[in-house]
Amino acid sequence: MNQEISKELIEKYLSGDDLAKEELALVEKALSDSGSSLSNEMAAMTSNGEWAAPLLGGIRYAGEQNLKKKLTQLADSMQQEGLLLDEDDITAWHKGRLSEAKTAIFQKRMAEDAQFAKVVANEKNLTDSLSQYGEKQLKSKIESARQSLQSEGFFEDTAALQQRGLGKIVHLGNRRKWLAIAAAAAVLLSAAIWIFLQRQPDAGKLFADNYQVYQDKISESIRSQLDEPGYAGNPVETEKWQEFLGAMKGYPNEVTALEAFLKKYPQEKIAHFYLGQAQLAKGQFELAQSNMEPLAHDADFEEQWPAKWYLALIYLKLGKLGPAKGLLDELKNSPNDFQSKAKKLYDQLY
């Protein structure tokens, strides 16, 4: 075999390792040239020289498959890192319409990439600015239409009409006034529709403005209770809560340990609560909902009000505005730590 087309070079090609441009050209030429030293050596390595061509084809195929595999792995890696997110994804995020899978990737990219977070913020600022500009333009058009109607005498006051013996009957004298009325109606209807659409709540932004990761408020309390004399004589309970403390070590970034704890102790409501919080922090909104819903409606659960508040935020993120408003109404009308926040958010949804 030609010294340049070495066994090591072929192995590098097959394994998908990066080759220098010159090395890659040598291998490709050798694979495509039936009279090359590589082809001759393949023939010499087999009992039948006819096997050389299939062997060369196999090498070429294996190299191509490794390259495709590496490209696929690279694409998957870029996807998980959020490097393939685009403007449509940013818009969907602001509107609360991004899929659960992409939401987790989006939040991770936001946390790790300051430049990306800035782009997301700028996109929102631009959208808000365009909305304000559109509203100003609409107001200008409405005022222009009003002035035009005024000049046509459309807004003659009642007193002037009564002086002419018309009472409350308004006689529209010509076709132009009817056209003016139609134009005004069209403008006002368009304005009403536009303003209505602009006042629809931006669920994604409202969620982002109100969501904060729920802090671990239970572990220290459990440690204190385990130190009390009463627990020393109850090894089963002691073991259970020690396992819970172990599962909480990764909170809120880890859900696996809490899931394992609940498989063993499925009735522990507080574990369901913190698992739901961890799932919410990871953007697993449907899973968080399934853990939080029973607790929000359980009057005996000590963290019922926090469960109601965070379930309302989950509903908001999922676009379930009706259930969200129902919970916020309860929160704003009852003494609890979330009362003022709930009232403000409730008002923003109307």
Protein backbone atom coordinates (compact mmCIF):
# COMPACT_ATOMS: atom_id res chain seq x y z
CA MET A 1 0.00 0.00 0.00
CA ASN A 2 1.17 3.54 -0.70
CA GLN A 3 2.80 4.87 2.47
CA GLU A 4 0.44 7.86 2.50
CA ILE A 5 -2.66 5.61 2.45
CA SER A 6 -1.78 3.86 5.68
CA LYS A 7 -3.85 1.54 7.82
CA GLU A 8 -4.04 4.24 10.48
CA LEU A 9 -5.45 6.72 7.95
CA ILE A 10 -8.17 4.27 6.88
CA GLU A 11 -9.03 3.60 10.55
CA LYS A 12 -9.37 7.33 11.18
CA TYR A 13 -11.66 7.62 8.17
CA LEU A 14 -13.82 4.70 9.33
CA SER A 15 -14.12 6.02 12.89
CA GLY A 16 -15.32 9.40 11.66
CA ASP A 17 -12.29 11.27 13.03
CA ASP A 18 -11.47 14.61 11.46
CA LEU A 19 -8.97 14.29 8.63
CA ALA A 20 -6.84 16.99 7.12
CA LYS A 21 -8.04 18.15 3.71
CA GLU A 22 -5.11 16.47 1.98
CA GLU A 23 -5.63 13.19 3.87
CA LEU A 24 -9.34 13.10 3.04
CA ALA A 25 -8.57 13.71 -0.65
CA LEU A 26 -6.09 10.82 -0.69
CA VAL A 27 -8.58 8.41 0.86
CA GLU A 28 -11.43 9.44 -1.44
CA LYS A 29 -9.18 9.13 -4.50
CA ALA A 30 -7.98 5.70 -3.40
CA LEU A 31 -11.54 4.51 -2.82
CA SER A 32 -12.71 5.67 -6.24
CA ASP A 33 -9.64 4.53 -8.24
CA SER A 34 -9.85 0.81 -9.09
CA GLY A 35 -6.17 0.77 -9.97
CA SER A 36 -4.94 2.41 -6.78
CA SER A 37 -2.51 0.81 -4.36
CA LEU A 38 -5.36 0.53 -1.86
CA SER A 39 -7.46 -1.40 -4.37
CA ASN A 40 -4.50 -3.64 -5.21
CA GLU A 41 -3.83 -4.37 -1.56
CA MET A 42 -7.46 -5.26 -0.99
CA ALA A 43 -7.24 -7.72 -3.85
CA ALA A 44 -4.05 -9.20 -2.41
CA MET A 45 -5.69 -9.61 1.00
CA THR A 46 -8.44 -11.84 -0.41
CA SER A 47 -8.37 -15.22 -2.07
CA ASN A 48 -10.33 -13.77 -4.98
CA GLY A 49 -9.40 -10.40 -6.40
CA GLU A 50 -13.06 -9.77 -7.19
CA TRP A 51 -13.59 -9.11 -3.48
CA ALA A 52 -11.53 -5.93 -3.63
CA ALA A 53 -14.31 -3.74 -5.04
CA PRO A 54 -16.92 -4.81 -2.41
CA LEU A 55 -14.37 -4.22 0.36
CA LEU A 56 -13.63 -0.75 -0.95
CA GLY A 57 -17.36 -0.05 -1.18
CA GLY A 58 -17.79 -1.25 2.40
CA ILE A 59 -15.08 1.09 3.61
CA ARG A 60 -16.67 4.00 1.79
CA TYR A 61 -20.13 3.15 3.17
CA ALA A 62 -18.83 2.78 6.74
CA GLY A 63 -17.10 6.14 6.53
CA GLU A 64 -20.25 7.83 5.24
CA GLN A 65 -22.38 6.27 7.98
CA ASN A 66 -19.97 7.44 10.68
CA LEU A 67 -20.06 10.94 9.24
CA LYS A 68 -23.88 10.93 9.22
CA LYS A 69 -23.89 9.66 12.80
CA LYS A 70 -21.55 12.43 13.92
CA LEU A 71 -23.66 15.06 12.15
CA THR A 72 -26.83 13.69 13.78
CA GLN A 73 -25.16 13.74 17.20
CA LEU A 74 -24.03 17.31 16.59
CA ALA A 75 -27.55 18.38 15.59
CA ASP A 76 -29.03 16.69 18.68
CA SER A 77 -26.47 18.37 20.91
CA MET A 78 -27.19 21.78 19.38
CA GLN A 79 -30.92 21.17 19.82
CA GLN A 80 -30.52 20.34 23.53
CA GLU A 81 -28.31 23.40 24.05
CA GLY A 82 -30.99 25.60 22.51
CA LEU A 83 -28.72 26.68 19.66
CA LEU A 84 -31.41 25.89 17.08
CA LEU A 85 -34.06 28.14 18.64
CA ASP A 86 -35.30 30.83 16.23
CA GLU A 87 -37.45 33.96 16.17
CA ASP A 88 -40.66 31.94 15.94
CA ASP A 89 -39.71 30.14 19.17
CA ILE A 90 -39.05 33.47 20.90
CA THR A 91 -42.44 34.78 19.78
CA ALA A 92 -44.15 31.57 20.95
CA TRP A 93 -42.38 31.91 24.33
CA HIS A 94 -43.68 35.45 24.84
CA LYS A 95 -47.20 34.32 23.95
CA GLY A 96 -47.05 31.27 26.24
CA ARG A 97 -47.41 28.88 23.29
CA LEU A 98 -44.00 27.19 23.30
CA SER A 99 -44.14 23.40 23.67
CA GLU A 100 -43.18 21.83 26.98
CA ALA A 101 -40.07 20.20 25.52
CA LYS A 102 -38.84 23.44 23.95
CA THR A 103 -39.73 25.44 27.09
CA ALA A 104 -37.21 23.45 29.14
CA ILE A 105 -34.52 24.03 26.49
CA PHE A 106 -35.50 27.71 26.21
CA GLN A 107 -35.23 28.28 29.97
CA LYS A 108 -31.84 26.55 30.07
CA ARG A 109 -30.53 28.71 27.22
CA MET A 110 -31.90 31.85 28.91
CA ALA A 111 -30.12 30.96 32.14
CA GLU A 112 -26.79 30.11 30.52
CA ASP A 113 -26.59 32.56 27.61
CA ALA A 114 -26.81 36.24 28.58
CA GLN A 115 -26.76 37.35 24.95
CA PHE A 116 -29.72 35.12 24.11
CA ALA A 117 -31.62 36.43 27.15
CA LYS A 118 -30.96 39.96 25.88
CA VAL A 119 -32.32 39.05 22.43
CA VAL A 120 -35.48 37.65 24.05
CA ALA A 121 -35.93 40.84 26.09
CA ASN A 122 -35.32 43.05 23.05
CA GLU A 123 -37.91 41.08 21.06
CA LYS A 124 -40.49 41.81 23.75
CA ASN A 125 -39.56 45.49 23.87
CA LEU A 126 -39.87 45.72 20.09
CA THR A 127 -43.29 44.06 20.13
CA ASP A 128 -44.50 46.42 22.86
CA SER A 129 -43.17 49.44 20.95
CA LEU A 130 -44.92 48.37 17.75
CA SER A 131 -48.17 47.89 19.65
CA GLN A 132 -47.91 51.39 21.13
CA TYR A 133 -47.10 52.84 17.70
CA GLY A 134 -50.09 51.04 16.16
CA GLU A 135 -52.38 52.37 18.89
CA LYS A 136 -51.18 55.94 18.27
CA GLN A 137 -51.72 55.55 14.53
CA LEU A 138 -55.23 54.23 15.11
CA LYS A 139 -56.09 57.11 17.43
CA SER A 140 -54.84 59.53 14.80
CA LYS A 141 -57.08 57.94 12.14
CA ILE A 142 -60.11 58.03 14.44
CA GLU A 143 -59.50 61.72 15.20
CA SER A 144 -59.13 62.45 11.48
CA ALA A 145 -62.44 60.70 10.78
CA ARG A 146 -64.11 62.64 13.60
CA GLN A 147 -62.88 65.95 12.22
CA SER A 148 -64.11 65.00 8.75
CA LEU A 149 -67.56 64.18 10.11
CA GLN A 150 -67.53 67.39 12.11
CA SER A 151 -66.87 69.39 8.95
CA GLU A 152 -69.83 67.66 7.29
CA GLY A 153 -72.12 68.77 10.12
CA PHE A 154 -72.62 65.21 11.34
CA PHE A 155 -72.30 66.25 14.99
CA GLU A 156 -74.86 69.07 14.99
CA ASP A 157 -76.11 69.50 18.54
CA THR A 158 -79.67 68.72 19.58
CA ALA A 159 -80.50 72.32 20.45
CA ALA A 160 -79.75 73.49 16.91
CA LEU A 161 -81.90 70.74 15.46
CA GLN A 162 -84.78 71.53 17.81
CA GLN A 163 -84.62 75.21 16.83
CA ARG A 164 -85.29 74.09 13.27
CA GLY A 165 -88.32 72.12 14.49
CA LEU A 166 -86.72 68.73 14.00
CA GLY A 167 -86.94 67.64 17.64
CA LYS A 168 -85.01 64.43 18.11
CA ILE A 169 -85.33 63.37 14.48
CA VAL A 170 -82.08 63.70 12.56
CA HIS A 171 -82.46 64.09 8.79
CA LEU A 172 -79.31 63.09 6.93
CA GLY A 173 -79.43 65.27 3.92
CA ASN A 174 -77.21 63.62 1.34
CA ARG A 175 -75.36 60.57 0.18
CA ARG A 176 -72.03 61.86 1.48
CA LYS A 177 -73.30 61.79 5.04
CA TRP A 178 -74.39 58.19 4.66
CA LEU A 179 -70.94 57.35 3.37
CA ALA A 180 -69.43 59.22 6.30
CA ILE A 181 -71.55 57.22 8.72
CA ALA A 182 -70.47 53.96 7.11
CA ALA A 183 -66.83 55.01 7.19
CA ALA A 184 -67.06 56.03 10.84
CA ALA A 185 -68.73 52.76 11.76
CA ALA A 186 -66.00 50.80 9.99
CA VAL A 187 -63.25 52.77 11.74
CA LEU A 188 -64.86 52.40 15.16
CA LEU A 189 -65.47 48.69 14.66
CA SER A 190 -61.85 48.20 13.60
CA ALA A 191 -60.74 50.19 16.62
CA ALA A 192 -62.85 48.09 18.96
CA ILE A 193 -61.49 44.85 17.53
CA TRP A 194 -57.90 46.08 17.62
CA ILE A 195 -58.17 47.34 21.21
CA PHE A 196 -59.85 44.08 22.27
CA LEU A 197 -57.02 42.03 20.79
CA GLN A 198 -54.39 44.27 22.36
CA ARG A 199 -55.98 43.84 25.78
CA GLN A 200 -55.84 40.06 25.66
CA PRO A 201 -53.43 38.93 28.38
CA ASP A 202 -49.93 37.86 27.40
CA ALA A 203 -49.86 34.61 29.37
CA GLY A 204 -46.15 34.01 28.82
CA LYS A 205 -45.15 37.44 30.11
CA LEU A 206 -47.54 37.32 33.08
CA PHE A 207 -46.16 33.92 34.05
CA ALA A 208 -42.56 35.15 33.78
CA ASP A 209 -43.38 38.28 35.80
CA ASN A 210 -44.93 36.31 38.67
CA TYR A 211 -43.10 33.00 38.82
CA GLN A 212 -40.38 32.45 41.41
CA VAL A 213 -38.92 29.09 42.39
CA TYR A 214 -40.47 27.95 45.66
CA GLN A 215 -37.77 27.68 48.31
CA ASP A 216 -37.24 24.59 50.46
CA LYS A 217 -39.13 25.44 53.66
CA ILE A 218 -39.58 21.92 54.99
CA SER A 219 -36.18 20.25 55.30
CA GLU A 220 -34.98 22.28 58.29
CA SER A 221 -38.27 21.67 60.09
CA ILE A 222 -38.01 17.91 59.53
CA ARG A 223 -34.42 17.85 60.80
CA SER A 224 -35.54 19.57 63.98
CA GLN A 225 -38.35 17.06 64.47
CA LEU A 226 -36.01 14.11 63.94
CA ASP A 227 -33.87 15.42 66.78
CA GLU A 228 -36.82 15.36 69.18
CA PRO A 229 -36.98 12.44 71.68
CA GLY A 230 -40.32 11.21 70.33
CA TYR A 231 -38.81 10.16 67.02
CA ALA A 232 -36.08 8.05 68.56
CA GLY A 233 -38.57 5.31 69.37
CA ASN A 234 -40.08 5.24 65.89
CA PRO A 235 -37.41 3.91 63.52
CA VAL A 236 -39.85 3.49 60.60
CA GLU A 237 -40.84 7.17 60.61
CA THR A 238 -37.25 8.23 61.18
CA GLU A 239 -36.05 6.22 58.18
CA LYS A 240 -38.83 7.59 55.96
CA TRP A 241 -38.07 11.24 56.69
CA GLN A 242 -34.35 10.72 56.43
CA GLU A 243 -35.00 9.34 52.93
CA PHE A 244 -37.10 12.40 52.16
CA LEU A 245 -34.30 14.72 53.27
CA GLY A 246 -31.95 12.81 50.99
CA ALA A 247 -34.37 13.19 48.07
CA MET A 248 -34.58 16.94 48.71
CA LYS A 249 -30.83 17.50 48.41
CA GLY A 250 -31.10 18.10 44.67
CA TYR A 251 -34.20 20.33 44.90
CA PRO A 252 -35.31 22.12 42.72
CA ASN A 253 -33.02 20.88 39.96
CA GLU A 254 -33.56 17.16 40.55
CA VAL A 255 -36.85 15.26 40.27
CA THR A 256 -35.69 11.63 40.07
CA ALA A 257 -35.00 11.22 43.79
CA LEU A 258 -38.39 12.64 44.78
CA GLU A 259 -40.11 10.38 42.24
CA ALA A 260 -38.32 7.38 43.77
CA PHE A 261 -39.36 8.46 47.27
CA LEU A 262 -43.02 8.71 46.20
CA LYS A 263 -42.95 5.23 44.69
CA LYS A 264 -42.17 3.99 48.18
CA TYR A 265 -44.36 6.49 50.06
CA PRO A 266 -47.10 7.56 47.60
CA GLN A 267 -49.35 9.12 50.27
CA GLU A 268 -46.88 11.78 51.40
CA LYS A 269 -48.51 15.01 50.24
CA ILE A 270 -45.53 17.22 51.01
CA ALA A 271 -43.37 15.13 48.67
CA HIS A 272 -45.94 15.54 45.89
CA PHE A 273 -45.88 19.29 46.53
CA TYR A 274 -42.10 19.62 46.22
CA LEU A 275 -41.98 17.26 43.25
CA GLY A 276 -44.57 19.48 41.53
CA GLN A 277 -42.45 22.53 42.33
CA ALA A 278 -39.32 20.88 40.90
CA GLN A 279 -41.22 19.87 37.75
CA LEU A 280 -42.48 23.44 37.39
CA ALA A 281 -38.92 24.78 37.73
CA LYS A 282 -37.87 22.42 34.91
CA GLY A 283 -40.74 23.51 32.66
CA GLN A 284 -42.65 20.22 33.02
CA PHE A 285 -45.98 22.00 33.35
CA GLU A 286 -48.41 19.10 32.78
CA LEU A 287 -46.58 16.91 35.30
CA ALA A 288 -46.48 19.76 37.80
CA GLN A 289 -50.22 20.26 37.31
CA SER A 290 -50.95 16.60 38.08
CA ASN A 291 -49.08 16.84 41.40
CA MET A 292 -50.40 20.25 42.43
CA GLU A 293 -54.12 19.95 41.62
CA PRO A 294 -55.12 17.53 44.43
CA LEU A 295 -53.15 19.58 46.97
CA ALA A 296 -54.71 22.90 45.94
CA HIS A 297 -58.16 21.47 46.72
CA ASP A 298 -57.13 19.68 49.94
CA ALA A 299 -58.17 21.80 52.93
CA ASP A 300 -56.10 19.59 55.26
CA PHE A 301 -52.85 20.17 53.36
CA GLU A 302 -50.64 22.63 55.24
CA GLU A 303 -49.31 24.21 52.03
CA GLN A 304 -52.68 24.57 50.32
CA TRP A 305 -52.36 28.30 49.59
CA PRO A 306 -48.93 27.99 47.94
CA ALA A 307 -50.33 25.04 45.96
CA LYS A 308 -53.25 27.22 44.77
CA TRP A 309 -50.93 30.06 43.73
CA TYR A 310 -48.51 27.88 41.79
CA LEU A 311 -51.33 25.88 40.20
CA ALA A 312 -52.83 29.19 39.01
CA LEU A 313 -49.48 30.04 37.40
CA ILE A 314 -49.34 26.59 35.77
CA TYR A 315 -52.85 27.08 34.34
CA LEU A 316 -51.79 30.52 33.09
CA LYS A 317 -48.72 29.10 31.35
CA LEU A 318 -50.82 26.36 29.75
CA GLY A 319 -53.38 28.89 28.49
CA LYS A 320 -56.13 27.67 30.84
CA LEU A 321 -57.29 31.17 31.80
CA GLY A 322 -60.67 30.12 33.25
CA PRO A 323 -59.26 27.81 35.96
CA ALA A 324 -56.43 30.29 36.60
CA LYS A 325 -58.91 33.12 37.25
CA GLY A 326 -60.94 30.87 39.55
CA LEU A 327 -57.94 30.14 41.78
CA LEU A 328 -56.77 33.76 41.73
CA ASP A 329 -60.25 34.83 42.83
CA GLU A 330 -59.98 32.53 45.84
CA LEU A 331 -56.48 33.76 46.65
CA LYS A 332 -57.31 37.47 46.44
CA ASN A 333 -60.38 37.15 48.66
CA SER A 334 -58.77 35.14 51.47
CA PRO A 335 -55.97 36.02 53.93
CA ASN A 336 -52.77 34.34 52.70
CA ASP A 337 -49.20 35.19 51.69
CA PHE A 338 -50.15 35.46 48.01
CA GLN A 339 -53.24 37.67 48.38
CA SER A 340 -51.80 40.93 47.00
CA LYS A 341 -50.00 39.18 44.12
CA ALA A 342 -53.16 37.29 43.24
CA LYS A 343 -55.25 40.48 43.18
CA LYS A 344 -52.78 42.23 40.87
CA LEU A 345 -52.56 39.25 38.51
CA TYR A 346 -56.34 38.77 38.55
CA ASP A 347 -56.85 42.41 37.51
CA GLN A 348 -54.32 42.02 34.69
CA LEU A 349 -56.34 39.14 33.25
CA TYR A 350 -59.44 41.34 32.83
